[in-house]
Amino acid sequence: MAARILLVRHGRTEWSAAGRHTGHTDVPLVDDGRRTAKLLGARLHRAPWDGLPGAEVCTSPLARARETCELAGFGTRATRWDALREWDYGDYEGLTSAQITERAGPDWFLWRDGVAGGEPLSAVAARADEVVAWARSADRDVLLFAHGHLLRVLAARWLGYGPEFAARLRLDPASLSVLDWAYGTPAVQRWNDTGHLD
């Protein structure tokens, strides 16, 4: 079983700062996103992480995750993996939650109602399950650079909950989270840690 899964949400983009749903649109990091990616990398290269020498590193193929990975100092070790792409928001791509509720109704809730013309939550969960199964396949650490909603679903699935549990897991840009084990049970060691940004 995996010793740990370390999750890194990419740094801030113009769309994430504006609250726009950013699925497969390849938007770059803003200057602050680049700065925080470097701070995260500096943290992961100091004790107790020491650069995670034995970890397998994977990144979403989207530019904002790849650039975060590179600026954090793991780009040469990373494998791109489509399973780590963000949720495909379909017709809601690029829209804020307020704009979506104008279309879908005031009671619209992403984690219950999903998206129009995009990827069902069950498909996001299936991709997360693929990542979890791979991570548990060997006794080594895993470091993943990806996106807010996908990583939240991955954490829910790691813990054995349905993907809608992800609604309860906030995840900020350039944050570090760690999933591991407690007495043989999947557990959260650290969540949404942004101490390196203080």
C-alpha atoms as a PDB file:
ATOM      1  CA  MET A   1       0.000   0.000   0.000  1.00  0.00           C
ATOM      2  CA  ALA A   2       1.089   3.586  -0.597  1.00  0.00           C
ATOM      3  CA  ALA A   3       2.889   5.139   2.324  1.00  0.00           C
ATOM      4  CA  ARG A   4       1.384   8.554   1.573  1.00  0.00           C
ATOM      5  CA  ILE A   5      -0.310  10.487  -1.190  1.00  0.00           C
ATOM      6  CA  LEU A   6       0.700  14.131  -1.273  1.00  0.00           C
ATOM      7  CA  LEU A   7      -1.744  16.365  -3.128  1.00  0.00           C
ATOM      8  CA  VAL A   8      -0.829  19.765  -4.536  1.00  0.00           C
ATOM      9  CA  ARG A   9      -3.462  22.022  -6.019  1.00  0.00           C
ATOM     10  CA  HIS A  10      -1.999  24.253  -8.716  1.00  0.00           C
ATOM     11  CA  GLY A  11      -1.279  27.914  -8.070  1.00  0.00           C
ATOM     12  CA  ARG A  12      -3.729  30.717  -8.714  1.00  0.00           C
ATOM     13  CA  THR A  13      -4.879  31.581 -12.232  1.00  0.00           C
ATOM     14  CA  GLU A  14      -6.885  34.541 -13.473  1.00  0.00           C
ATOM     15  CA  TRP A  15      -9.945  32.303 -13.698  1.00  0.00           C
ATOM     16  CA  SER A  16      -9.558  30.767 -10.233  1.00  0.00           C
ATOM     17  CA  ALA A  17      -9.129  34.240  -8.737  1.00  0.00           C
ATOM     18  CA  ALA A  18     -12.413  35.281 -10.398  1.00  0.00           C
ATOM     19  CA  GLY A  19     -14.261  32.134  -9.278  1.00  0.00           C
ATOM     20  CA  ARG A  20     -14.715  30.877 -12.844  1.00  0.00           C
ATOM     21  CA  HIS A  21     -15.113  27.122 -13.304  1.00  0.00           C
ATOM     22  CA  THR A  22     -11.897  26.069 -15.011  1.00  0.00           C
ATOM     23  CA  GLY A  23     -12.030  22.547 -16.358  1.00  0.00           C
ATOM     24  CA  HIS A  24     -10.145  21.772 -19.543  1.00  0.00           C
ATOM     25  CA  THR A  25      -9.447  25.368 -20.591  1.00  0.00           C
ATOM     26  CA  ASP A  26      -5.671  25.719 -20.448  1.00  0.00           C
ATOM     27  CA  VAL A  27      -5.204  28.960 -18.534  1.00  0.00           C
ATOM     28  CA  PRO A  28      -1.728  29.831 -17.180  1.00  0.00           C
ATOM     29  CA  LEU A  29      -0.722  30.750 -13.672  1.00  0.00           C
ATOM     30  CA  VAL A  30      -0.685  34.429 -12.748  1.00  0.00           C
ATOM     31  CA  ASP A  31       2.430  35.935 -11.155  1.00  0.00           C
ATOM     32  CA  ASP A  32       1.133  35.224  -7.654  1.00  0.00           C
ATOM     33  CA  GLY A  33       0.434  31.626  -8.672  1.00  0.00           C
ATOM     34  CA  ARG A  34       4.033  31.244  -9.825  1.00  0.00           C
ATOM     35  CA  ARG A  35       5.325  32.778  -6.601  1.00  0.00           C
ATOM     36  CA  THR A  36       3.288  30.438  -4.396  1.00  0.00           C
ATOM     37  CA  ALA A  37       4.308  27.397  -6.468  1.00  0.00           C
ATOM     38  CA  LYS A  38       7.944  28.247  -5.767  1.00  0.00           C
ATOM     39  CA  LEU A  39       7.222  28.668  -2.046  1.00  0.00           C
ATOM     40  CA  LEU A  40       5.527  25.271  -1.978  1.00  0.00           C
ATOM     41  CA  GLY A  41       8.501  23.726  -3.769  1.00  0.00           C
ATOM     42  CA  ALA A  42      10.922  25.249  -1.269  1.00  0.00           C
ATOM     43  CA  ARG A  43       8.873  23.700   1.533  1.00  0.00           C
ATOM     44  CA  LEU A  44       8.860  20.255  -0.084  1.00  0.00           C
ATOM     45  CA  HIS A  45      12.627  20.380  -0.571  1.00  0.00           C
ATOM     46  CA  ARG A  46      13.273  21.117   3.145  1.00  0.00           C
ATOM     47  CA  ALA A  47      12.967  18.730   6.075  1.00  0.00           C
ATOM     48  CA  PRO A  48      10.928  16.712   6.733  1.00  0.00           C
ATOM     49  CA  TRP A  49      10.126  16.218   3.040  1.00  0.00           C
ATOM     50  CA  ASP A  50      13.687  16.602   1.691  1.00  0.00           C
ATOM     51  CA  GLY A  51      12.525  16.584  -1.912  1.00  0.00           C
ATOM     52  CA  LEU A  52      10.642  13.273  -1.511  1.00  0.00           C
ATOM     53  CA  PRO A  53      13.447  11.283  -3.161  1.00  0.00           C
ATOM     54  CA  GLY A  54      11.558   7.991  -3.365  1.00  0.00           C
ATOM     55  CA  ALA A  55       8.201   9.395  -4.452  1.00  0.00           C
ATOM     56  CA  GLU A  56       6.529   8.853  -7.801  1.00  0.00           C
ATOM     57  CA  VAL A  57       5.415  12.204  -9.209  1.00  0.00           C
ATOM     58  CA  CYS A  58       2.467  12.702 -11.565  1.00  0.00           C
ATOM     59  CA  THR A  59       0.834  15.828 -12.914  1.00  0.00           C
ATOM     60  CA  SER A  60      -2.263  16.760 -14.801  1.00  0.00           C
ATOM     61  CA  PRO A  61      -1.346  17.565 -18.410  1.00  0.00           C
ATOM     62  CA  LEU A  62      -2.977  20.995 -18.114  1.00  0.00           C
ATOM     63  CA  ALA A  63      -0.549  23.930 -18.093  1.00  0.00           C
ATOM     64  CA  ARG A  64      -1.466  25.329 -14.671  1.00  0.00           C
ATOM     65  CA  ALA A  65      -0.700  22.025 -12.924  1.00  0.00           C
ATOM     66  CA  ARG A  66       2.405  21.307 -15.023  1.00  0.00           C
ATOM     67  CA  GLU A  67       3.810  24.772 -14.359  1.00  0.00           C
ATOM     68  CA  THR A  68       3.154  24.425 -10.619  1.00  0.00           C
ATOM     69  CA  CYS A  69       4.977  21.089 -10.698  1.00  0.00           C
ATOM     70  CA  GLU A  70       7.930  22.580 -12.599  1.00  0.00           C
ATOM     71  CA  LEU A  71       8.209  25.679 -10.409  1.00  0.00           C
ATOM     72  CA  ALA A  72       8.059  23.465  -7.307  1.00  0.00           C
ATOM     73  CA  GLY A  73      11.101  21.608  -8.619  1.00  0.00           C
ATOM     74  CA  PHE A  74       9.522  18.289  -9.639  1.00  0.00           C
ATOM     75  CA  GLY A  75       9.048  18.800 -13.385  1.00  0.00           C
ATOM     76  CA  THR A  76      11.850  16.483 -14.517  1.00  0.00           C
ATOM     77  CA  ARG A  77      10.476  13.647 -12.360  1.00  0.00           C
ATOM     78  CA  ALA A  78       6.810  14.043 -13.292  1.00  0.00           C
ATOM     79  CA  THR A  79       4.694  11.867 -15.557  1.00  0.00           C
ATOM     80  CA  ARG A  80       1.676  13.505 -17.179  1.00  0.00           C
ATOM     81  CA  TRP A  81      -1.564  11.627 -16.544  1.00  0.00           C
ATOM     82  CA  ASP A  82      -4.943  12.410 -18.093  1.00  0.00           C
ATOM     83  CA  ALA A  83      -6.732  10.912 -15.080  1.00  0.00           C
ATOM     84  CA  LEU A  84      -5.575  13.996 -13.116  1.00  0.00           C
ATOM     85  CA  ARG A  85      -7.348  16.487 -15.410  1.00  0.00           C
ATOM     86  CA  GLU A  86      -9.941  18.726 -13.815  1.00  0.00           C
ATOM     87  CA  TRP A  87     -13.671  18.048 -14.106  1.00  0.00           C
ATOM     88  CA  ASP A  88     -14.997  18.806 -17.610  1.00  0.00           C
ATOM     89  CA  TYR A  89     -17.615  21.462 -16.831  1.00  0.00           C
ATOM     90  CA  GLY A  90     -19.144  21.380 -20.321  1.00  0.00           C
ATOM     91  CA  ASP A  91     -21.569  24.273 -20.849  1.00  0.00           C
ATOM     92  CA  TYR A  92     -20.526  25.764 -17.499  1.00  0.00           C
ATOM     93  CA  GLU A  93     -16.850  26.123 -18.421  1.00  0.00           C
ATOM     94  CA  GLY A  94     -15.589  29.608 -17.620  1.00  0.00           C
ATOM     95  CA  LEU A  95     -18.716  30.615 -15.710  1.00  0.00           C
ATOM     96  CA  THR A  96     -18.955  31.629 -12.056  1.00  0.00           C
ATOM     97  CA  SER A  97     -21.397  29.897  -9.738  1.00  0.00           C
ATOM     98  CA  ALA A  98     -23.633  32.995  -9.887  1.00  0.00           C
ATOM     99  CA  GLN A  99     -23.726  32.815 -13.685  1.00  0.00           C
ATOM    100  CA  ILE A 100     -24.518  29.114 -13.579  1.00  0.00           C
ATOM    101  CA  THR A 101     -27.450  29.619 -11.185  1.00  0.00           C
ATOM    102  CA  GLU A 102     -28.882  32.164 -13.645  1.00  0.00           C
ATOM    103  CA  ARG A 103     -29.041  29.322 -16.182  1.00  0.00           C
ATOM    104  CA  ALA A 104     -29.707  26.303 -13.990  1.00  0.00           C
ATOM    105  CA  GLY A 105     -31.853  27.861 -11.278  1.00  0.00           C
ATOM    106  CA  PRO A 106     -31.155  29.303  -7.835  1.00  0.00           C
ATOM    107  CA  ASP A 107     -30.997  25.887  -6.159  1.00  0.00           C
ATOM    108  CA  TRP A 108     -28.233  24.558  -8.418  1.00  0.00           C
ATOM    109  CA  PHE A 109     -25.475  22.799  -6.460  1.00  0.00           C
ATOM    110  CA  LEU A 110     -22.508  21.392  -8.355  1.00  0.00           C
ATOM    111  CA  TRP A 111     -22.034  18.338  -6.146  1.00  0.00           C
ATOM    112  CA  ARG A 112     -25.691  17.321  -6.428  1.00  0.00           C
ATOM    113  CA  ASP A 113     -26.779  18.588  -9.840  1.00  0.00           C
ATOM    114  CA  GLY A 114     -23.585  18.296 -11.847  1.00  0.00           C
ATOM    115  CA  VAL A 115     -22.982  20.145 -15.100  1.00  0.00           C
ATOM    116  CA  ALA A 116     -24.779  20.479 -18.422  1.00  0.00           C
ATOM    117  CA  GLY A 117     -22.982  19.062 -21.431  1.00  0.00           C
ATOM    118  CA  GLY A 118     -19.935  18.011 -19.443  1.00  0.00           C
ATOM    119  CA  GLU A 119     -18.601  15.161 -17.365  1.00  0.00           C
ATOM    120  CA  PRO A 120     -20.871  13.441 -14.832  1.00  0.00           C
ATOM    121  CA  LEU A 121     -19.589  13.367 -11.264  1.00  0.00           C
ATOM    122  CA  SER A 122     -19.543   9.561 -11.507  1.00  0.00           C
ATOM    123  CA  ALA A 123     -16.948   9.820 -14.293  1.00  0.00           C
ATOM    124  CA  VAL A 124     -14.784  12.155 -12.190  1.00  0.00           C
ATOM    125  CA  ALA A 125     -15.062   9.615  -9.359  1.00  0.00           C
ATOM    126  CA  ALA A 126     -14.045   6.789 -11.712  1.00  0.00           C
ATOM    127  CA  ARG A 127     -10.889   8.690 -12.644  1.00  0.00           C
ATOM    128  CA  ALA A 128     -10.181   9.365  -8.966  1.00  0.00           C
ATOM    129  CA  ASP A 129     -10.665   5.663  -8.219  1.00  0.00           C
ATOM    130  CA  GLU A 130      -8.105   4.837 -10.916  1.00  0.00           C
ATOM    131  CA  VAL A 131      -5.577   7.134  -9.237  1.00  0.00           C
ATOM    132  CA  VAL A 132      -6.316   5.737  -5.765  1.00  0.00           C
ATOM    133  CA  ALA A 133      -5.908   2.142  -6.973  1.00  0.00           C
ATOM    134  CA  TRP A 134      -2.596   3.011  -8.634  1.00  0.00           C
ATOM    135  CA  ALA A 135      -1.351   4.847  -5.533  1.00  0.00           C
ATOM    136  CA  ARG A 136      -2.162   1.861  -3.334  1.00  0.00           C
ATOM    137  CA  SER A 137      -0.395  -0.557  -5.697  1.00  0.00           C
ATOM    138  CA  ALA A 138       3.092  -0.187  -4.189  1.00  0.00           C
ATOM    139  CA  ASP A 139       4.825   0.837  -0.990  1.00  0.00           C
ATOM    140  CA  ARG A 140       6.074   4.295  -1.938  1.00  0.00           C
ATOM    141  CA  ASP A 141       5.014   7.906  -1.590  1.00  0.00           C
ATOM    142  CA  VAL A 142       3.062   9.535  -4.405  1.00  0.00           C
ATOM    143  CA  LEU A 143       3.100  13.269  -5.198  1.00  0.00           C
ATOM    144  CA  LEU A 144       0.272  14.567  -7.397  1.00  0.00           C
ATOM    145  CA  PHE A 145      -0.123  18.009  -8.981  1.00  0.00           C
ATOM    146  CA  ALA A 146      -3.684  18.612 -10.092  1.00  0.00           C
ATOM    147  CA  HIS A 147      -6.871  20.627  -9.614  1.00  0.00           C
ATOM    148  CA  GLY A 148      -9.256  21.599  -6.839  1.00  0.00           C
ATOM    149  CA  HIS A 149     -12.361  19.582  -7.626  1.00  0.00           C
ATOM    150  CA  LEU A 150     -10.544  16.498  -8.905  1.00  0.00           C
ATOM    151  CA  LEU A 151      -8.322  16.376  -5.801  1.00  0.00           C
ATOM    152  CA  ARG A 152     -11.306  16.832  -3.514  1.00  0.00           C
ATOM    153  CA  VAL A 153     -13.058  13.886  -5.167  1.00  0.00           C
ATOM    154  CA  LEU A 154      -9.848  11.851  -4.929  1.00  0.00           C
ATOM    155  CA  ALA A 155      -9.677  12.507  -1.181  1.00  0.00           C
ATOM    156  CA  ALA A 156     -13.316  11.507  -0.743  1.00  0.00           C
ATOM    157  CA  ARG A 157     -12.708   8.253  -2.609  1.00  0.00           C
ATOM    158  CA  TRP A 158      -9.472   7.570  -0.671  1.00  0.00           C
ATOM    159  CA  LEU A 159     -11.531   7.791   2.522  1.00  0.00           C
ATOM    160  CA  GLY A 160     -14.236   5.498   1.149  1.00  0.00           C
ATOM    161  CA  TYR A 161     -16.936   8.140   0.721  1.00  0.00           C
ATOM    162  CA  GLY A 162     -19.043   8.945  -2.308  1.00  0.00           C
ATOM    163  CA  PRO A 163     -17.752  11.738  -4.543  1.00  0.00           C
ATOM    164  CA  GLU A 164     -20.352  14.196  -3.250  1.00  0.00           C
ATOM    165  CA  PHE A 165     -18.452  14.204   0.082  1.00  0.00           C
ATOM    166  CA  ALA A 166     -15.909  16.383  -1.761  1.00  0.00           C
ATOM    167  CA  ALA A 167     -18.276  19.330  -1.262  1.00  0.00           C
ATOM    168  CA  ARG A 168     -17.142  19.363   2.378  1.00  0.00           C
ATOM    169  CA  LEU A 169     -13.434  19.572   1.558  1.00  0.00           C
ATOM    170  CA  ARG A 170     -12.171  23.074   0.822  1.00  0.00           C
ATOM    171  CA  LEU A 171      -8.929  23.242  -1.155  1.00  0.00           C
ATOM    172  CA  ASP A 172      -7.020  26.465  -1.810  1.00  0.00           C
ATOM    173  CA  PRO A 173      -4.532  27.207  -4.605  1.00  0.00           C
ATOM    174  CA  ALA A 174      -0.943  26.058  -3.949  1.00  0.00           C
ATOM    175  CA  SER A 175      -2.066  24.048  -0.917  1.00  0.00           C
ATOM    176  CA  LEU A 176      -0.517  20.814   0.324  1.00  0.00           C
ATOM    177  CA  SER A 177      -2.585  17.893   1.562  1.00  0.00           C
ATOM    178  CA  VAL A 178      -1.457  14.441   2.678  1.00  0.00           C
ATOM    179  CA  LEU A 179      -3.507  11.251   2.685  1.00  0.00           C
ATOM    180  CA  ASP A 180      -2.163   8.252   4.546  1.00  0.00           C
ATOM    181  CA  TRP A 181      -3.254   5.517   6.947  1.00  0.00           C
ATOM    182  CA  ALA A 182      -4.310   5.280  10.582  1.00  0.00           C
ATOM    183  CA  TYR A 183      -4.232   1.716  11.947  1.00  0.00           C
ATOM    184  CA  GLY A 184      -4.707   0.321   8.453  1.00  0.00           C
ATOM    185  CA  THR A 185      -7.601   2.633   7.599  1.00  0.00           C
ATOM    186  CA  PRO A 186      -7.332   5.377   4.952  1.00  0.00           C
ATOM    187  CA  ALA A 187      -6.960   8.708   6.735  1.00  0.00           C
ATOM    188  CA  VAL A 188      -6.181  12.389   6.287  1.00  0.00           C
ATOM    189  CA  GLN A 189      -2.849  13.435   7.789  1.00  0.00           C
ATOM    190  CA  ARG A 190      -2.934  17.048   6.573  1.00  0.00           C
ATOM    191  CA  TRP A 191      -5.513  19.014   4.592  1.00  0.00           C
ATOM    192  CA  ASN A 192      -5.434  22.349   2.724  1.00  0.00           C
ATOM    193  CA  ASP A 193      -2.151  23.323   4.379  1.00  0.00           C
ATOM    194  CA  THR A 194      -0.931  26.712   3.151  1.00  0.00           C
ATOM    195  CA  GLY A 195       1.578  27.377   5.944  1.00  0.00           C
ATOM    196  CA  HIS A 196       4.329  27.876   3.354  1.00  0.00           C
ATOM    197  CA  LEU A 197       2.443  30.945   2.096  1.00  0.00           C
ATOM    198  CA  ASP A 198       2.373  32.783   5.462  1.00  0.00           C
END
